[in-house]
Amino acid sequence: MKKLLMGVIALSSLFMISCNSTDKSDPKAVLISFFDALAKKDIAAARKLATAESKSMLDMMEMGMKMSDGKKEDDGKYDKTKMEFGDAKVEGDKATVAVKEKTSGETTNFTLKKEDGAWKVAFDKSSMMNMGMDKMNEKGVNADSAVNKGMEELKNMNMDSLKDKVNESMEKLEEATKKLEQK
């Protein structure tokens, strides 16, 4: 009886450990686990699956979650059942996994990098900017030209005008969000 009980405990422990671990040698599995963590709003778990450079982006995300104070605006945004994950394309210490949002059909390529022998999601500002520029280029907008034009405008803008533009942009963003919610 004692041996049976010890066997059950050992098997249960193994099962729990295997359920909570991610195959860090598989970029696709890491990305899926990262999305699971974000869907649960578990930023601590997401940090473990992201590159060191991703800390500031995840900190901002955590701050935004705290500020939204449980509002359901972003619920489902990282729901993996609404996405199709492609196979990982590995090139040395970098991998790319295409993620297709089933409803819209939009595909975004997520980058992962190897850190300390394990795959980590590159969720840093630079990677996010590159993903955005790729999307702009897909839509026929010359991203490099648009960014350069924006930078030139920022150089020539005084701080009061910048503040006004930021406020104006926030209002437009709120309007767009409301329109999206109505659909």
Foldseek 3Di string as FASTA:
>chain_A
DVVVVVVVVVVVVVVVVVVPDFPQLAQLRLVLQLLVCVLVVNLVSNVVQADPQQVVVSVVVNVVCVVVPPDCLCHPVSPCVQWDWAGWDDDPQKIWIWIARNPVRDIFIWMWGDDPNGTHTHNHPVRVLVRVCVVCVVVVHNSVVVVVVVVVVVVPDDPVVVVVVVVVVVVVVVVVSVVVVVD
